N, C-alpha and C. Protein backbone atom coordinates (compact mmCIF):
# COMPACT_ATOMS: atom_id res chain seq x y z
N UNK A 1 -150.78 55.56 -147.90
CA UNK A 1 -150.45 54.18 -147.55
C UNK A 1 -149.11 53.86 -148.22
N UNK A 2 -148.20 53.27 -147.46
CA UNK A 2 -146.90 52.96 -148.06
C UNK A 2 -147.00 51.73 -148.95
N UNK A 3 -145.98 51.53 -149.76
CA UNK A 3 -145.96 50.44 -150.75
C UNK A 3 -146.14 49.06 -150.12
N UNK A 4 -145.51 48.85 -148.97
CA UNK A 4 -145.58 47.54 -148.32
C UNK A 4 -147.02 47.23 -147.91
N UNK A 5 -147.71 48.20 -147.36
CA UNK A 5 -149.10 48.00 -146.96
C UNK A 5 -150.00 47.78 -148.18
N UNK A 6 -149.73 48.53 -149.25
CA UNK A 6 -150.50 48.36 -150.48
C UNK A 6 -150.34 46.96 -151.04
N UNK A 7 -149.11 46.47 -151.05
CA UNK A 7 -148.84 45.12 -151.56
C UNK A 7 -149.52 44.08 -150.68
N UNK A 8 -149.43 44.23 -149.37
CA UNK A 8 -150.09 43.29 -148.46
C UNK A 8 -151.61 43.32 -148.64
N UNK A 9 -152.16 44.49 -148.81
CA UNK A 9 -153.61 44.60 -149.03
C UNK A 9 -154.00 43.92 -150.33
N UNK A 10 -153.26 44.14 -151.40
CA UNK A 10 -153.54 43.49 -152.68
C UNK A 10 -153.41 41.97 -152.57
N UNK A 11 -152.40 41.52 -151.88
CA UNK A 11 -152.20 40.09 -151.67
C UNK A 11 -153.37 39.50 -150.89
N UNK A 12 -153.78 40.17 -149.83
CA UNK A 12 -154.92 39.70 -149.03
C UNK A 12 -156.20 39.64 -149.87
N UNK A 13 -156.47 40.68 -150.64
CA UNK A 13 -157.68 40.71 -151.47
C UNK A 13 -157.64 39.62 -152.55
N UNK A 14 -156.46 39.37 -153.11
CA UNK A 14 -156.32 38.31 -154.11
C UNK A 14 -156.59 36.95 -153.50
N UNK A 15 -156.03 36.70 -152.32
CA UNK A 15 -156.26 35.42 -151.64
C UNK A 15 -157.73 35.25 -151.25
N UNK A 16 -158.36 36.32 -150.83
CA UNK A 16 -159.77 36.27 -150.49
C UNK A 16 -160.62 35.93 -151.70
N UNK A 17 -160.31 36.54 -152.82
CA UNK A 17 -161.04 36.27 -154.05
C UNK A 17 -160.85 34.82 -154.50
N UNK A 18 -159.65 34.35 -154.45
CA UNK A 18 -159.37 32.96 -154.84
C UNK A 18 -160.08 31.99 -153.90
N UNK A 19 -160.07 32.26 -152.62
CA UNK A 19 -160.70 31.34 -151.67
C UNK A 19 -162.20 31.26 -151.87
N UNK A 20 -162.83 32.32 -152.39
CA UNK A 20 -164.27 32.30 -152.62
C UNK A 20 -164.64 31.48 -153.85
N UNK A 21 -163.78 31.41 -154.85
CA UNK A 21 -164.10 30.65 -156.04
C UNK A 21 -163.48 29.25 -156.03
N UNK A 22 -162.55 29.00 -155.15
CA UNK A 22 -161.87 27.70 -155.10
C UNK A 22 -162.83 26.52 -154.95
N UNK A 23 -163.88 26.60 -154.13
CA UNK A 23 -164.77 25.44 -154.01
C UNK A 23 -165.36 24.98 -155.33
N UNK A 24 -165.58 25.90 -156.26
CA UNK A 24 -166.14 25.52 -157.56
C UNK A 24 -165.17 24.67 -158.37
N UNK A 25 -163.89 24.82 -158.11
CA UNK A 25 -162.88 24.03 -158.81
C UNK A 25 -162.65 22.69 -158.12
N UNK A 26 -162.73 22.67 -156.79
CA UNK A 26 -162.44 21.45 -156.05
C UNK A 26 -163.62 20.50 -155.94
N UNK A 27 -164.84 21.04 -155.97
CA UNK A 27 -166.04 20.22 -155.85
C UNK A 27 -166.99 20.49 -157.01
N UNK A 28 -166.58 20.13 -158.22
CA UNK A 28 -167.45 20.39 -159.36
C UNK A 28 -168.75 19.60 -159.23
N UNK A 29 -169.81 20.13 -159.81
CA UNK A 29 -171.12 19.51 -159.72
C UNK A 29 -171.51 18.90 -161.06
N UNK A 30 -172.37 17.90 -160.98
CA UNK A 30 -172.88 17.25 -162.19
C UNK A 30 -173.96 18.11 -162.81
N UNK A 31 -174.07 18.02 -164.13
CA UNK A 31 -175.11 18.72 -164.86
C UNK A 31 -176.35 17.86 -165.02
N UNK A 32 -177.48 18.53 -165.18
CA UNK A 32 -178.73 17.85 -165.46
C UNK A 32 -178.67 17.24 -166.86
N UNK A 33 -179.46 16.23 -167.11
CA UNK A 33 -179.47 15.53 -168.40
C UNK A 33 -180.18 16.39 -169.45
N UNK A 34 -179.61 16.43 -170.64
CA UNK A 34 -180.16 17.17 -171.77
C UNK A 34 -181.53 16.62 -172.17
N UNK A 35 -182.47 17.53 -172.43
CA UNK A 35 -183.80 17.14 -172.91
C UNK A 35 -184.34 18.24 -173.81
N UNK A 36 -185.22 17.84 -174.72
CA UNK A 36 -185.97 18.80 -175.52
C UNK A 36 -187.44 18.39 -175.49
N UNK A 37 -188.30 19.37 -175.33
CA UNK A 37 -189.74 19.14 -175.33
C UNK A 37 -190.33 20.04 -176.39
N UNK A 38 -191.16 19.48 -177.23
CA UNK A 38 -191.80 20.16 -178.35
C UNK A 38 -190.78 20.50 -179.44
N UNK A 39 -191.25 21.14 -180.48
CA UNK A 39 -190.44 21.40 -181.67
C UNK A 39 -189.65 22.71 -181.59
N UNK A 40 -188.38 22.66 -181.98
CA UNK A 40 -187.56 23.87 -181.96
C UNK A 40 -188.06 24.96 -182.91
N UNK A 41 -188.93 24.60 -183.84
CA UNK A 41 -189.44 25.58 -184.80
C UNK A 41 -190.52 26.49 -184.21
N UNK A 42 -191.00 26.19 -183.01
CA UNK A 42 -192.02 27.03 -182.36
C UNK A 42 -191.47 28.43 -182.09
N UNK A 43 -192.36 29.41 -182.11
CA UNK A 43 -191.94 30.80 -181.89
C UNK A 43 -191.46 31.06 -180.46
N UNK A 44 -192.17 30.49 -179.50
CA UNK A 44 -191.81 30.68 -178.09
C UNK A 44 -190.84 29.59 -177.68
N UNK A 45 -189.73 30.02 -177.07
CA UNK A 45 -188.69 29.07 -176.67
C UNK A 45 -188.23 29.39 -175.25
N UNK A 46 -188.03 28.33 -174.46
CA UNK A 46 -187.55 28.48 -173.09
C UNK A 46 -186.31 27.60 -172.93
N UNK A 47 -185.25 28.19 -172.43
CA UNK A 47 -184.03 27.46 -172.12
C UNK A 47 -183.96 27.32 -170.61
N UNK A 48 -183.72 26.08 -170.15
CA UNK A 48 -183.53 25.81 -168.73
C UNK A 48 -182.15 25.18 -168.58
N UNK A 49 -181.29 25.80 -167.80
CA UNK A 49 -179.95 25.27 -167.54
C UNK A 49 -179.83 25.00 -166.05
N UNK A 50 -179.32 23.81 -165.71
CA UNK A 50 -179.29 23.45 -164.30
C UNK A 50 -178.17 22.47 -163.99
N UNK A 51 -177.79 22.49 -162.74
CA UNK A 51 -176.94 21.43 -162.19
C UNK A 51 -177.87 20.31 -161.72
N UNK A 52 -177.29 19.20 -161.40
CA UNK A 52 -178.05 18.02 -160.96
C UNK A 52 -178.21 18.02 -159.44
N UNK A 53 -179.44 18.03 -158.98
CA UNK A 53 -179.76 17.82 -157.57
C UNK A 53 -181.25 17.49 -157.51
N UNK A 54 -181.69 16.86 -156.45
CA UNK A 54 -183.11 16.52 -156.32
C UNK A 54 -183.97 17.77 -156.34
N UNK A 55 -183.55 18.79 -155.61
CA UNK A 55 -184.29 20.04 -155.54
C UNK A 55 -184.44 20.67 -156.93
N UNK A 56 -183.34 20.77 -157.64
CA UNK A 56 -183.37 21.39 -158.96
C UNK A 56 -184.14 20.54 -159.96
N UNK A 57 -184.00 19.21 -159.88
CA UNK A 57 -184.76 18.33 -160.78
C UNK A 57 -186.26 18.50 -160.58
N UNK A 58 -186.69 18.65 -159.33
CA UNK A 58 -188.12 18.85 -159.06
C UNK A 58 -188.61 20.17 -159.65
N UNK A 59 -187.82 21.20 -159.54
CA UNK A 59 -188.21 22.49 -160.12
C UNK A 59 -188.27 22.38 -161.64
N UNK A 60 -187.27 21.77 -162.25
CA UNK A 60 -187.27 21.59 -163.70
C UNK A 60 -188.48 20.77 -164.13
N UNK A 61 -188.81 19.73 -163.39
CA UNK A 61 -189.98 18.90 -163.72
C UNK A 61 -191.26 19.72 -163.67
N UNK A 62 -191.39 20.57 -162.68
CA UNK A 62 -192.59 21.41 -162.57
C UNK A 62 -192.67 22.40 -163.73
N UNK A 63 -191.54 22.93 -164.14
CA UNK A 63 -191.52 23.82 -165.31
C UNK A 63 -191.96 23.04 -166.55
N UNK A 64 -191.40 21.85 -166.73
CA UNK A 64 -191.78 21.01 -167.87
C UNK A 64 -193.27 20.69 -167.84
N UNK A 65 -193.78 20.27 -166.68
CA UNK A 65 -195.19 19.92 -166.55
C UNK A 65 -196.09 21.10 -166.92
N UNK A 66 -195.68 22.29 -166.52
CA UNK A 66 -196.49 23.48 -166.77
C UNK A 66 -196.47 23.90 -168.23
N UNK A 67 -195.34 23.74 -168.90
CA UNK A 67 -195.19 24.26 -170.26
C UNK A 67 -195.33 23.24 -171.37
N UNK A 68 -195.22 21.97 -171.08
CA UNK A 68 -195.14 20.96 -172.14
C UNK A 68 -196.39 20.87 -173.00
N UNK A 69 -197.56 21.22 -172.48
CA UNK A 69 -198.80 21.16 -173.27
C UNK A 69 -199.09 22.47 -174.00
N UNK A 70 -198.19 23.42 -173.89
CA UNK A 70 -198.34 24.69 -174.59
C UNK A 70 -197.47 24.69 -175.84
N UNK A 71 -197.68 25.63 -176.70
CA UNK A 71 -196.86 25.76 -177.91
C UNK A 71 -195.55 26.47 -177.58
N UNK A 72 -194.74 25.79 -176.80
CA UNK A 72 -193.46 26.34 -176.34
C UNK A 72 -192.41 25.24 -176.48
N UNK A 73 -191.31 25.60 -177.12
CA UNK A 73 -190.16 24.70 -177.18
C UNK A 73 -189.37 24.86 -175.89
N UNK A 74 -189.04 23.74 -175.26
CA UNK A 74 -188.28 23.76 -174.01
C UNK A 74 -186.98 22.98 -174.24
N UNK A 75 -185.88 23.63 -173.95
CA UNK A 75 -184.57 22.98 -174.05
C UNK A 75 -183.95 22.99 -172.67
N UNK A 76 -183.58 21.80 -172.20
CA UNK A 76 -182.98 21.65 -170.88
C UNK A 76 -181.54 21.21 -171.06
N UNK A 77 -180.64 21.98 -170.48
CA UNK A 77 -179.21 21.70 -170.63
C UNK A 77 -178.51 21.82 -169.27
N UNK A 78 -177.30 21.34 -169.23
CA UNK A 78 -176.46 21.53 -168.05
C UNK A 78 -175.80 22.89 -168.07
N UNK A 79 -175.37 23.34 -166.93
CA UNK A 79 -174.70 24.64 -166.80
C UNK A 79 -173.45 24.71 -167.68
N UNK A 80 -172.74 23.60 -167.81
CA UNK A 80 -171.53 23.58 -168.64
C UNK A 80 -171.82 23.97 -170.08
N UNK A 81 -173.03 23.71 -170.56
CA UNK A 81 -173.37 24.01 -171.95
C UNK A 81 -173.90 25.42 -172.18
N UNK A 82 -174.00 26.21 -171.13
CA UNK A 82 -174.43 27.60 -171.30
C UNK A 82 -173.50 28.37 -172.24
N UNK A 83 -172.25 28.00 -172.25
CA UNK A 83 -171.27 28.71 -173.09
C UNK A 83 -171.61 28.60 -174.57
N UNK A 84 -172.42 27.59 -174.94
CA UNK A 84 -172.79 27.37 -176.34
C UNK A 84 -174.13 27.99 -176.71
N UNK A 85 -174.77 28.66 -175.77
CA UNK A 85 -176.12 29.17 -176.01
C UNK A 85 -176.13 30.68 -176.20
N UNK A 86 -177.08 31.11 -177.04
CA UNK A 86 -177.33 32.53 -177.27
C UNK A 86 -178.68 32.86 -176.63
N UNK A 87 -178.66 33.56 -175.53
CA UNK A 87 -179.89 33.88 -174.79
C UNK A 87 -180.87 34.69 -175.62
N UNK A 88 -180.39 35.38 -176.64
CA UNK A 88 -181.26 36.16 -177.51
C UNK A 88 -182.23 35.29 -178.31
N UNK A 89 -181.96 34.01 -178.40
CA UNK A 89 -182.79 33.10 -179.18
C UNK A 89 -183.98 32.55 -178.39
N UNK A 90 -184.12 32.95 -177.12
CA UNK A 90 -185.15 32.39 -176.25
C UNK A 90 -186.07 33.48 -175.70
N UNK A 91 -187.32 33.10 -175.50
CA UNK A 91 -188.29 34.00 -174.88
C UNK A 91 -188.02 34.14 -173.39
N UNK A 92 -187.49 33.06 -172.81
CA UNK A 92 -187.14 33.04 -171.39
C UNK A 92 -185.97 32.09 -171.19
N UNK A 93 -185.09 32.46 -170.26
CA UNK A 93 -183.96 31.61 -169.89
C UNK A 93 -184.00 31.47 -168.38
N UNK A 94 -184.00 30.21 -167.91
CA UNK A 94 -184.00 29.92 -166.48
C UNK A 94 -182.70 29.19 -166.15
N UNK A 95 -181.98 29.71 -165.19
CA UNK A 95 -180.70 29.12 -164.79
C UNK A 95 -180.79 28.77 -163.31
N UNK A 96 -180.58 27.47 -163.00
CA UNK A 96 -180.60 26.98 -161.62
C UNK A 96 -179.19 26.56 -161.26
N UNK A 97 -178.61 27.24 -160.29
CA UNK A 97 -177.23 26.94 -159.91
C UNK A 97 -177.06 26.95 -158.40
N UNK A 98 -175.93 26.47 -157.96
CA UNK A 98 -175.61 26.40 -156.54
C UNK A 98 -174.45 27.33 -156.23
N UNK A 99 -174.61 28.10 -155.17
CA UNK A 99 -173.52 28.98 -154.73
C UNK A 99 -172.44 28.14 -154.06
N UNK A 100 -171.23 28.49 -154.35
CA UNK A 100 -170.08 27.88 -153.69
C UNK A 100 -169.12 29.01 -153.39
N UNK A 101 -168.69 29.10 -152.17
CA UNK A 101 -167.79 30.18 -151.80
C UNK A 101 -168.48 31.53 -151.86
N UNK A 102 -169.77 31.57 -151.52
CA UNK A 102 -170.57 32.79 -151.45
C UNK A 102 -170.73 33.49 -152.79
N UNK A 103 -170.63 32.73 -153.87
CA UNK A 103 -170.80 33.28 -155.20
C UNK A 103 -171.63 32.33 -156.04
N UNK A 104 -172.31 32.90 -157.04
CA UNK A 104 -173.00 32.07 -158.02
C UNK A 104 -171.94 31.29 -158.81
N UNK A 105 -172.37 30.24 -159.44
CA UNK A 105 -171.49 29.40 -160.26
C UNK A 105 -170.73 30.27 -161.27
N UNK A 106 -169.45 30.03 -161.42
CA UNK A 106 -168.63 30.85 -162.31
C UNK A 106 -169.08 30.72 -163.77
N UNK A 107 -169.61 29.57 -164.17
CA UNK A 107 -170.12 29.40 -165.53
C UNK A 107 -171.36 30.26 -165.74
N UNK A 108 -172.16 30.38 -164.71
CA UNK A 108 -173.35 31.23 -164.77
C UNK A 108 -172.94 32.69 -164.87
N UNK A 109 -171.97 33.09 -164.05
CA UNK A 109 -171.49 34.47 -164.11
C UNK A 109 -170.92 34.80 -165.48
N UNK A 110 -170.24 33.86 -166.09
CA UNK A 110 -169.70 34.07 -167.43
C UNK A 110 -170.84 34.27 -168.44
N UNK A 111 -171.88 33.46 -168.34
CA UNK A 111 -173.06 33.59 -169.20
C UNK A 111 -173.71 34.96 -168.99
N UNK A 112 -173.83 35.36 -167.73
CA UNK A 112 -174.47 36.64 -167.43
C UNK A 112 -173.62 37.83 -167.87
N UNK A 113 -172.33 37.66 -167.92
CA UNK A 113 -171.47 38.71 -168.45
C UNK A 113 -171.81 38.96 -169.92
N UNK A 114 -172.14 37.90 -170.63
CA UNK A 114 -172.50 38.02 -172.05
C UNK A 114 -173.93 38.50 -172.26
N UNK A 115 -174.88 38.07 -171.41
CA UNK A 115 -176.30 38.32 -171.68
C UNK A 115 -177.06 38.99 -170.55
N UNK A 116 -176.38 39.47 -169.54
CA UNK A 116 -177.03 40.05 -168.37
C UNK A 116 -177.88 41.28 -168.64
N UNK A 117 -177.75 41.85 -169.83
CA UNK A 117 -178.56 43.02 -170.16
C UNK A 117 -179.98 42.63 -170.59
N UNK A 118 -180.25 41.35 -170.77
CA UNK A 118 -181.57 40.89 -171.19
C UNK A 118 -182.51 40.79 -169.99
N UNK A 119 -183.76 41.13 -170.21
CA UNK A 119 -184.78 41.05 -169.16
C UNK A 119 -185.46 39.68 -169.15
N UNK A 120 -184.98 38.77 -169.95
CA UNK A 120 -185.61 37.45 -170.09
C UNK A 120 -184.91 36.36 -169.29
N UNK A 121 -183.96 36.73 -168.45
CA UNK A 121 -183.17 35.73 -167.71
C UNK A 121 -183.58 35.70 -166.25
N UNK A 122 -183.88 34.48 -165.78
CA UNK A 122 -184.24 34.24 -164.38
C UNK A 122 -183.16 33.33 -163.81
N UNK A 123 -182.53 33.75 -162.73
CA UNK A 123 -181.45 32.97 -162.13
C UNK A 123 -181.80 32.62 -160.69
N UNK A 124 -181.88 31.32 -160.42
CA UNK A 124 -182.06 30.83 -159.05
C UNK A 124 -180.71 30.33 -158.56
N UNK A 125 -180.25 30.89 -157.45
CA UNK A 125 -179.01 30.44 -156.83
C UNK A 125 -179.36 29.85 -155.47
N UNK A 126 -179.00 28.59 -155.28
CA UNK A 126 -179.29 27.94 -154.00
C UNK A 126 -178.05 27.98 -153.11
N UNK A 127 -178.32 28.14 -151.82
CA UNK A 127 -177.26 28.10 -150.81
C UNK A 127 -177.92 27.74 -149.48
N UNK A 128 -177.12 27.27 -148.54
CA UNK A 128 -177.66 26.88 -147.24
C UNK A 128 -178.43 28.01 -146.57
N UNK A 129 -177.91 29.21 -146.68
CA UNK A 129 -178.54 30.35 -146.02
C UNK A 129 -179.57 31.06 -146.88
N UNK A 130 -179.77 30.59 -148.10
CA UNK A 130 -180.71 31.22 -149.04
C UNK A 130 -180.42 32.71 -149.19
N UNK A 131 -179.14 33.06 -149.19
CA UNK A 131 -178.78 34.47 -149.18
C UNK A 131 -177.78 34.87 -150.27
N UNK A 132 -177.56 34.00 -151.26
CA UNK A 132 -176.62 34.33 -152.33
C UNK A 132 -177.40 34.52 -153.62
N UNK A 133 -177.26 35.70 -154.19
CA UNK A 133 -177.89 36.03 -155.46
C UNK A 133 -176.83 36.15 -156.55
N UNK A 134 -177.24 35.89 -157.78
CA UNK A 134 -176.36 36.21 -158.90
C UNK A 134 -176.17 37.72 -158.91
N UNK A 135 -175.04 38.17 -159.37
CA UNK A 135 -174.73 39.60 -159.39
C UNK A 135 -175.70 40.32 -160.33
N UNK A 136 -176.46 41.26 -159.79
CA UNK A 136 -177.45 41.99 -160.59
C UNK A 136 -176.99 43.40 -160.95
N UNK A 137 -175.83 43.79 -160.47
CA UNK A 137 -175.34 45.14 -160.76
C UNK A 137 -175.15 45.30 -162.27
N UNK A 138 -175.76 46.34 -162.82
CA UNK A 138 -175.70 46.63 -164.26
C UNK A 138 -176.30 45.52 -165.12
N UNK A 139 -177.19 44.73 -164.54
CA UNK A 139 -177.86 43.66 -165.27
C UNK A 139 -179.36 43.78 -165.11
N UNK A 140 -180.09 43.23 -166.07
CA UNK A 140 -181.55 43.28 -166.06
C UNK A 140 -182.17 41.96 -165.57
N UNK A 141 -181.36 41.01 -165.15
CA UNK A 141 -181.84 39.68 -164.79
C UNK A 141 -182.74 39.69 -163.57
N UNK A 142 -183.50 38.63 -163.44
CA UNK A 142 -184.34 38.42 -162.26
C UNK A 142 -183.63 37.40 -161.39
N UNK A 143 -183.09 37.80 -160.26
CA UNK A 143 -182.30 36.92 -159.40
C UNK A 143 -183.13 36.47 -158.20
N UNK A 144 -183.07 35.17 -157.92
CA UNK A 144 -183.80 34.56 -156.81
C UNK A 144 -182.80 33.75 -155.99
N UNK A 145 -182.95 33.78 -154.67
CA UNK A 145 -182.11 32.97 -153.78
C UNK A 145 -183.01 32.05 -152.97
N UNK A 146 -182.53 30.83 -152.71
CA UNK A 146 -183.29 29.87 -151.93
C UNK A 146 -182.36 28.83 -151.34
N UNK A 147 -182.82 28.20 -150.28
CA UNK A 147 -182.15 27.00 -149.79
C UNK A 147 -182.75 25.83 -150.57
N UNK A 148 -182.01 24.75 -150.69
CA UNK A 148 -182.49 23.57 -151.41
C UNK A 148 -183.30 22.68 -150.48
N UNK A 149 -184.44 23.17 -150.03
CA UNK A 149 -185.27 22.40 -149.13
C UNK A 149 -186.57 22.01 -149.82
N UNK A 150 -187.02 20.81 -149.54
CA UNK A 150 -188.20 20.26 -150.20
C UNK A 150 -189.43 21.15 -150.02
N UNK A 151 -189.58 21.77 -148.86
CA UNK A 151 -190.76 22.59 -148.62
C UNK A 151 -190.74 23.89 -149.43
N UNK A 152 -189.64 24.22 -150.09
CA UNK A 152 -189.55 25.42 -150.93
C UNK A 152 -189.82 25.14 -152.41
N UNK A 153 -189.87 23.87 -152.80
CA UNK A 153 -190.00 23.52 -154.22
C UNK A 153 -191.23 24.17 -154.85
N UNK A 154 -192.39 24.03 -154.23
CA UNK A 154 -193.61 24.58 -154.83
C UNK A 154 -193.57 26.10 -154.92
N UNK A 155 -193.16 26.77 -153.86
CA UNK A 155 -193.09 28.24 -153.89
C UNK A 155 -192.13 28.74 -154.95
N UNK A 156 -190.94 28.17 -154.99
CA UNK A 156 -189.93 28.60 -155.97
C UNK A 156 -190.39 28.27 -157.38
N UNK A 157 -190.91 27.06 -157.58
CA UNK A 157 -191.39 26.65 -158.91
C UNK A 157 -192.50 27.57 -159.39
N UNK A 158 -193.47 27.83 -158.54
CA UNK A 158 -194.58 28.71 -158.93
C UNK A 158 -194.09 30.11 -159.26
N UNK A 159 -193.13 30.61 -158.50
CA UNK A 159 -192.55 31.92 -158.77
C UNK A 159 -191.87 31.94 -160.14
N UNK A 160 -191.05 30.95 -160.41
CA UNK A 160 -190.34 30.87 -161.70
C UNK A 160 -191.32 30.69 -162.85
N UNK A 161 -192.29 29.81 -162.69
CA UNK A 161 -193.28 29.56 -163.74
C UNK A 161 -194.08 30.83 -164.04
N UNK A 162 -194.44 31.56 -163.01
CA UNK A 162 -195.15 32.82 -163.21
C UNK A 162 -194.31 33.80 -164.02
N UNK A 163 -193.02 33.88 -163.70
CA UNK A 163 -192.12 34.78 -164.44
C UNK A 163 -191.96 34.32 -165.89
N UNK A 164 -191.83 33.01 -166.10
CA UNK A 164 -191.74 32.48 -167.47
C UNK A 164 -193.01 32.81 -168.25
N UNK A 165 -194.17 32.56 -167.64
CA UNK A 165 -195.43 32.83 -168.34
C UNK A 165 -195.55 34.30 -168.72
N UNK A 166 -195.12 35.19 -167.84
CA UNK A 166 -195.16 36.62 -168.16
C UNK A 166 -194.28 36.91 -169.36
N UNK A 167 -193.11 36.30 -169.42
CA UNK A 167 -192.18 36.54 -170.54
C UNK A 167 -192.69 35.95 -171.84
N UNK A 168 -193.25 34.76 -171.82
CA UNK A 168 -193.66 34.14 -173.08
C UNK A 168 -195.04 34.60 -173.56
N UNK A 169 -195.82 35.17 -172.66
CA UNK A 169 -197.15 35.66 -173.05
C UNK A 169 -197.13 37.09 -173.56
N UNK A 170 -195.99 37.76 -173.47
CA UNK A 170 -195.88 39.14 -173.96
C UNK A 170 -195.57 39.17 -175.44
């Protein structure tokens, strides 16, 4: 391939990459409100990080309802605060994010770059087509894809809660 074609190919690939992440910069999403349930001194700890949406709030509420009467500390934070968290400190980490530009949230990907080798991370990525997963290559995470539809809340919540229970009961 001659130099001109190589440069054009690189330029095209660069523009394609930028166009896939651009929506995350132009349409930033709100984070869920910070909450803590039970005492941080408990041995079992669950971190839930999420953006704000009705679908995600319902899933977070179901997680809280299921775990709040158990001896489990639950910390709920926004995706923006993932950068301040150490996933090694939790029995389970649940991340709820929205795909934009056919990719998981860039803040989530940054977190997974740091902790993707852990088997305690569950990542739900929502998209219209329910077809975008967090990157699992060379990672131990449990990735789930779904559309943000009300009829999926119970199925997705039960799936996530089952995975959390398996992690905290071991």
